[in-house]
Amino acid sequence: MTIHSVPLNRPSLAPTLPTYDAKDLTGAIGQAHIVLGDQTYVLRITKSGKLILTK
């Protein structure tokens, strides 16, 4: 998995945010489960190259 850091333009916030390549997260099938607390979401890449996150 590739992780990048992107500098922010706001000095009051953390100097960098982690950045992930969506294709690394979703793999060959273009979908991944993302868990937040007790909820599971599906991240998918559409045919037109957009991202959709659903419950």
PDB file of N, CA and C in Angstrom:
ATOM      1  N   MET A   1       0.851  -1.175   0.000  1.00  0.00           N
ATOM      2  CA  MET A   1       0.000   0.000   0.000  1.00  0.00           C
ATOM      3  C   MET A   1       0.886   1.224   0.000  1.00  0.00           C
ATOM      4  N   THR A   2       0.570   2.179  -0.831  1.00  0.00           N
ATOM      5  CA  THR A   2       1.325   3.415  -0.916  1.00  0.00           C
ATOM      6  C   THR A   2       0.673   4.465  -0.020  1.00  0.00           C
ATOM      7  N   ILE A   3       1.458   5.098   0.824  1.00  0.00           N
ATOM      8  CA  ILE A   3       0.968   6.162   1.693  1.00  0.00           C
ATOM      9  C   ILE A   3       1.746   7.422   1.363  1.00  0.00           C
ATOM     10  N   HIS A   4       1.028   8.513   1.119  1.00  0.00           N
ATOM     11  CA  HIS A   4       1.630   9.792   0.790  1.00  0.00           C
ATOM     12  C   HIS A   4       1.255  10.796   1.873  1.00  0.00           C
ATOM     13  N   SER A   5       2.045  11.821   2.028  1.00  0.00           N
ATOM     14  CA  SER A   5       1.696  12.914   2.920  1.00  0.00           C
ATOM     15  C   SER A   5       1.448  14.158   2.083  1.00  0.00           C
ATOM     16  N   VAL A   6       0.347  14.841   2.392  1.00  0.00           N
ATOM     17  CA  VAL A   6      -0.015  16.051   1.665  1.00  0.00           C
ATOM     18  C   VAL A   6       0.018  17.218   2.634  1.00  0.00           C
ATOM     19  N   PRO A   7       0.827  18.241   2.360  1.00  0.00           N
ATOM     20  CA  PRO A   7       0.870  19.385   3.263  1.00  0.00           C
ATOM     21  C   PRO A   7      -0.434  20.175   3.218  1.00  0.00           C
ATOM     22  N   LEU A   8      -0.838  20.688   4.365  1.00  0.00           N
ATOM     23  CA  LEU A   8      -2.047  21.515   4.448  1.00  0.00           C
ATOM     24  C   LEU A   8      -1.678  22.981   4.311  1.00  0.00           C
ATOM     25  N   ASN A   9      -2.630  23.777   3.858  1.00  0.00           N
ATOM     26  CA  ASN A   9      -2.408  25.212   3.723  1.00  0.00           C
ATOM     27  C   ASN A   9      -2.756  25.973   4.995  1.00  0.00           C
ATOM     28  N   ARG A  10      -3.281  25.287   5.995  1.00  0.00           N
ATOM     29  CA  ARG A  10      -3.674  25.934   7.245  1.00  0.00           C
ATOM     30  C   ARG A  10      -2.648  25.618   8.329  1.00  0.00           C
ATOM     31  N   PRO A  11      -1.926  26.621   8.823  1.00  0.00           N
ATOM     32  CA  PRO A  11      -0.895  26.350   9.824  1.00  0.00           C
ATOM     33  C   PRO A  11      -1.451  25.884  11.163  1.00  0.00           C
ATOM     34  N   SER A  12      -2.724  26.157  11.468  1.00  0.00           N
ATOM     35  CA  SER A  12      -3.293  25.776  12.756  1.00  0.00           C
ATOM     36  C   SER A  12      -3.622  24.280  12.831  1.00  0.00           C
ATOM     37  N   LEU A  13      -3.682  23.582  11.680  1.00  0.00           N
ATOM     38  CA  LEU A  13      -3.963  22.161  11.661  1.00  0.00           C
ATOM     39  C   LEU A  13      -2.667  21.376  11.588  1.00  0.00           C
ATOM     40  N   ALA A  14      -2.767  20.068  11.713  1.00  0.00           N
ATOM     41  CA  ALA A  14      -1.594  19.210  11.601  1.00  0.00           C
ATOM     42  C   ALA A  14      -0.872  19.497  10.286  1.00  0.00           C
ATOM     43  N   PRO A  15       0.441  19.416  10.256  1.00  0.00           N
ATOM     44  CA  PRO A  15       1.186  19.788   9.049  1.00  0.00           C
ATOM     45  C   PRO A  15       0.967  18.852   7.864  1.00  0.00           C
ATOM     46  N   THR A  16       0.583  17.595   8.102  1.00  0.00           N
ATOM     47  CA  THR A  16       0.353  16.676   6.989  1.00  0.00           C
ATOM     48  C   THR A  16      -0.814  15.752   7.298  1.00  0.00           C
ATOM     49  N   LEU A  17      -1.449  15.260   6.262  1.00  0.00           N
ATOM     50  CA  LEU A  17      -2.510  14.264   6.384  1.00  0.00           C
ATOM     51  C   LEU A  17      -2.068  13.014   5.642  1.00  0.00           C
ATOM     52  N   PRO A  18      -2.405  11.829   6.156  1.00  0.00           N
ATOM     53  CA  PRO A  18      -2.096  10.627   5.388  1.00  0.00           C
ATOM     54  C   PRO A  18      -2.952  10.585   4.125  1.00  0.00           C
ATOM     55  N   THR A  19      -2.350  10.149   3.031  1.00  0.00           N
ATOM     56  CA  THR A  19      -3.050  10.051   1.753  1.00  0.00           C
ATOM     57  C   THR A  19      -2.854   8.644   1.219  1.00  0.00           C
ATOM     58  N   TYR A  20      -3.946   8.023   0.774  1.00  0.00           N
ATOM     59  CA  TYR A  20      -3.904   6.643   0.305  1.00  0.00           C
ATOM     60  C   TYR A  20      -4.375   6.589  -1.135  1.00  0.00           C
ATOM     61  N   ASP A  21      -3.749   5.755  -1.926  1.00  0.00           N
ATOM     62  CA  ASP A  21      -4.190   5.539  -3.297  1.00  0.00           C
ATOM     63  C   ASP A  21      -5.411   4.623  -3.249  1.00  0.00           C
ATOM     64  N   ALA A  22      -6.536   5.062  -3.803  1.00  0.00           N
ATOM     65  CA  ALA A  22      -7.783   4.296  -3.747  1.00  0.00           C
ATOM     66  C   ALA A  22      -7.637   2.926  -4.397  1.00  0.00           C
ATOM     67  N   LYS A  23      -6.828   2.833  -5.440  1.00  0.00           N
ATOM     68  CA  LYS A  23      -6.635   1.542  -6.109  1.00  0.00           C
ATOM     69  C   LYS A  23      -5.875   0.572  -5.216  1.00  0.00           C
ATOM     70  N   ASP A  24      -4.973   1.085  -4.374  1.00  0.00           N
ATOM     71  CA  ASP A  24      -4.290   0.231  -3.407  1.00  0.00           C
ATOM     72  C   ASP A  24      -5.272  -0.286  -2.355  1.00  0.00           C
ATOM     73  N   LEU A  25      -6.210   0.572  -1.941  1.00  0.00           N
ATOM     74  CA  LEU A  25      -7.194   0.175  -0.927  1.00  0.00           C
ATOM     75  C   LEU A  25      -8.206  -0.827  -1.470  1.00  0.00           C
ATOM     76  N   THR A  26      -8.630  -0.641  -2.717  1.00  0.00           N
ATOM     77  CA  THR A  26      -9.717  -1.459  -3.253  1.00  0.00           C
ATOM     78  C   THR A  26      -9.245  -2.689  -4.025  1.00  0.00           C
ATOM     79  N   GLY A  27      -8.004  -2.727  -4.426  1.00  0.00           N
ATOM     80  CA  GLY A  27      -7.465  -3.895  -5.124  1.00  0.00           C
ATOM     81  C   GLY A  27      -8.077  -4.100  -6.498  1.00  0.00           C
ATOM     82  N   ALA A  28      -7.909  -5.310  -7.014  1.00  0.00           N
ATOM     83  CA  ALA A  28      -8.332  -5.632  -8.381  1.00  0.00           C
ATOM     84  C   ALA A  28      -9.846  -5.554  -8.573  1.00  0.00           C
ATOM     85  N   ILE A  29     -10.623  -5.777  -7.501  1.00  0.00           N
ATOM     86  CA  ILE A  29     -12.088  -5.757  -7.660  1.00  0.00           C
ATOM     87  C   ILE A  29     -12.686  -4.356  -7.542  1.00  0.00           C
ATOM     88  N   GLY A  30     -11.877  -3.384  -7.111  1.00  0.00           N
ATOM     89  CA  GLY A  30     -12.362  -2.011  -7.035  1.00  0.00           C
ATOM     90  C   GLY A  30     -13.290  -1.738  -5.873  1.00  0.00           C
ATOM     91  N   GLN A  31     -13.269  -2.599  -4.844  1.00  0.00           N
ATOM     92  CA  GLN A  31     -14.114  -2.405  -3.663  1.00  0.00           C
ATOM     93  C   GLN A  31     -13.345  -2.771  -2.402  1.00  0.00           C
ATOM     94  N   ALA A  32     -13.683  -2.099  -1.305  1.00  0.00           N
ATOM     95  CA  ALA A  32     -13.066  -2.412  -0.019  1.00  0.00           C
ATOM     96  C   ALA A  32     -14.067  -2.127   1.092  1.00  0.00           C
ATOM     97  N   HIS A  33     -13.977  -2.880   2.187  1.00  0.00           N
ATOM     98  CA  HIS A  33     -14.760  -2.591   3.385  1.00  0.00           C
ATOM     99  C   HIS A  33     -13.949  -1.667   4.271  1.00  0.00           C
ATOM    100  N   ILE A  34     -14.607  -0.665   4.817  1.00  0.00           N
ATOM    101  CA  ILE A  34     -13.988   0.255   5.765  1.00  0.00           C
ATOM    102  C   ILE A  34     -14.833   0.205   7.027  1.00  0.00           C
ATOM    103  N   VAL A  35     -14.201  -0.041   8.158  1.00  0.00           N
ATOM    104  CA  VAL A  35     -14.906  -0.187   9.433  1.00  0.00           C
ATOM    105  C   VAL A  35     -14.649   1.049  10.288  1.00  0.00           C
ATOM    106  N   LEU A  36     -15.726   1.615  10.824  1.00  0.00           N
ATOM    107  CA  LEU A  36     -15.657   2.729  11.757  1.00  0.00           C
ATOM    108  C   LEU A  36     -16.548   2.376  12.936  1.00  0.00           C
ATOM    109  N   GLY A  37     -15.923   2.074  14.075  1.00  0.00           N
ATOM    110  CA  GLY A  37     -16.694   1.627  15.231  1.00  0.00           C
ATOM    111  C   GLY A  37     -17.357   0.306  14.905  1.00  0.00           C
ATOM    112  N   ASP A  38     -18.677   0.263  15.059  1.00  0.00           N
ATOM    113  CA  ASP A  38     -19.408  -0.971  14.759  1.00  0.00           C
ATOM    114  C   ASP A  38     -20.088  -0.931  13.384  1.00  0.00           C
ATOM    115  N   GLN A  39     -19.764   0.076  12.572  1.00  0.00           N
ATOM    116  CA  GLN A  39     -20.349   0.211  11.245  1.00  0.00           C
ATOM    117  C   GLN A  39     -19.344  -0.194  10.164  1.00  0.00           C
ATOM    118  N   THR A  40     -19.826  -0.896   9.148  1.00  0.00           N
ATOM    119  CA  THR A  40     -18.988  -1.258   8.004  1.00  0.00           C
ATOM    120  C   THR A  40     -19.510  -0.547   6.773  1.00  0.00           C
ATOM    121  N   TYR A  41     -18.605   0.093   6.060  1.00  0.00           N
ATOM    122  CA  TYR A  41     -18.927   0.828   4.846  1.00  0.00           C
ATOM    123  C   TYR A  41     -18.249   0.145   3.664  1.00  0.00           C
ATOM    124  N   VAL A  42     -18.774   0.388   2.470  1.00  0.00           N
ATOM    125  CA  VAL A  42     -18.158  -0.132   1.256  1.00  0.00           C
ATOM    126  C   VAL A  42     -17.649   1.052   0.442  1.00  0.00           C
ATOM    127  N   LEU A  43     -16.360   1.025   0.138  1.00  0.00           N
ATOM    128  CA  LEU A  43     -15.746   2.013  -0.744  1.00  0.00           C
ATOM    129  C   LEU A  43     -15.587   1.342  -2.100  1.00  0.00           C
ATOM    130  N   ARG A  44     -16.071   1.999  -3.155  1.00  0.00           N
ATOM    131  CA  ARG A  44     -15.911   1.403  -4.481  1.00  0.00           C
ATOM    132  C   ARG A  44     -15.559   2.468  -5.500  1.00  0.00           C
ATOM    133  N   ILE A  45     -14.842   2.011  -6.511  1.00  0.00           N
ATOM    134  CA  ILE A  45     -14.487   2.873  -7.630  1.00  0.00           C
ATOM    135  C   ILE A  45     -15.471   2.570  -8.754  1.00  0.00           C
ATOM    136  N   THR A  46     -16.125   3.605  -9.274  1.00  0.00           N
ATOM    137  CA  THR A  46     -17.097   3.426 -10.351  1.00  0.00           C
ATOM    138  C   THR A  46     -16.381   3.243 -11.694  1.00  0.00           C
ATOM    139  N   LYS A  47     -17.140   2.866 -12.713  1.00  0.00           N
ATOM    140  CA  LYS A  47     -16.579   2.710 -14.052  1.00  0.00           C
ATOM    141  C   LYS A  47     -16.001   4.018 -14.578  1.00  0.00           C
ATOM    142  N   SER A  48     -16.572   5.130 -14.120  1.00  0.00           N
ATOM    143  CA  SER A  48     -16.081   6.449 -14.566  1.00  0.00           C
ATOM    144  C   SER A  48     -14.944   6.981 -13.695  1.00  0.00           C
ATOM    145  N   GLY A  49     -14.463   6.163 -12.754  1.00  0.00           N
ATOM    146  CA  GLY A  49     -13.301   6.538 -11.948  1.00  0.00           C
ATOM    147  C   GLY A  49     -13.599   7.388 -10.735  1.00  0.00           C
ATOM    148  N   LYS A  50     -14.838   7.422 -10.303  1.00  0.00           N
ATOM    149  CA  LYS A  50     -15.225   8.180  -9.104  1.00  0.00           C
ATOM    150  C   LYS A  50     -15.306   7.249  -7.912  1.00  0.00           C
ATOM    151  N   LEU A  51     -15.264   7.818  -6.712  1.00  0.00           N
ATOM    152  CA  LEU A  51     -15.371   7.035  -5.487  1.00  0.00           C
ATOM    153  C   LEU A  51     -16.756   7.169  -4.878  1.00  0.00           C
ATOM    154  N   ILE A  52     -17.283   6.055  -4.380  1.00  0.00           N
ATOM    155  CA  ILE A  52     -18.564   6.041  -3.673  1.00  0.00           C
ATOM    156  C   ILE A  52     -18.356   5.303  -2.366  1.00  0.00           C
ATOM    157  N   LEU A  53     -18.805   5.901  -1.259  1.00  0.00           N
ATOM    158  CA  LEU A  53     -18.747   5.285   0.055  1.00  0.00           C
ATOM    159  C   LEU A  53     -20.172   5.098   0.541  1.00  0.00           C
ATOM    160  N   THR A  54     -20.581   3.840   0.809  1.00  0.00           N
ATOM    161  CA  THR A  54     -21.946   3.563   1.246  1.00  0.00           C
ATOM    162  C   THR A  54     -21.921   2.688   2.480  1.00  0.00           C
ATOM    163  N   LYS A  55     -23.027   2.719   3.225  1.00  0.00           N
ATOM    164  CA  LYS A  55     -23.200   1.855   4.402  1.00  0.00           C
ATOM    165  C   LYS A  55     -23.640   0.505   3.976  1.00  0.00           C
TER     166      LYS A  55
END
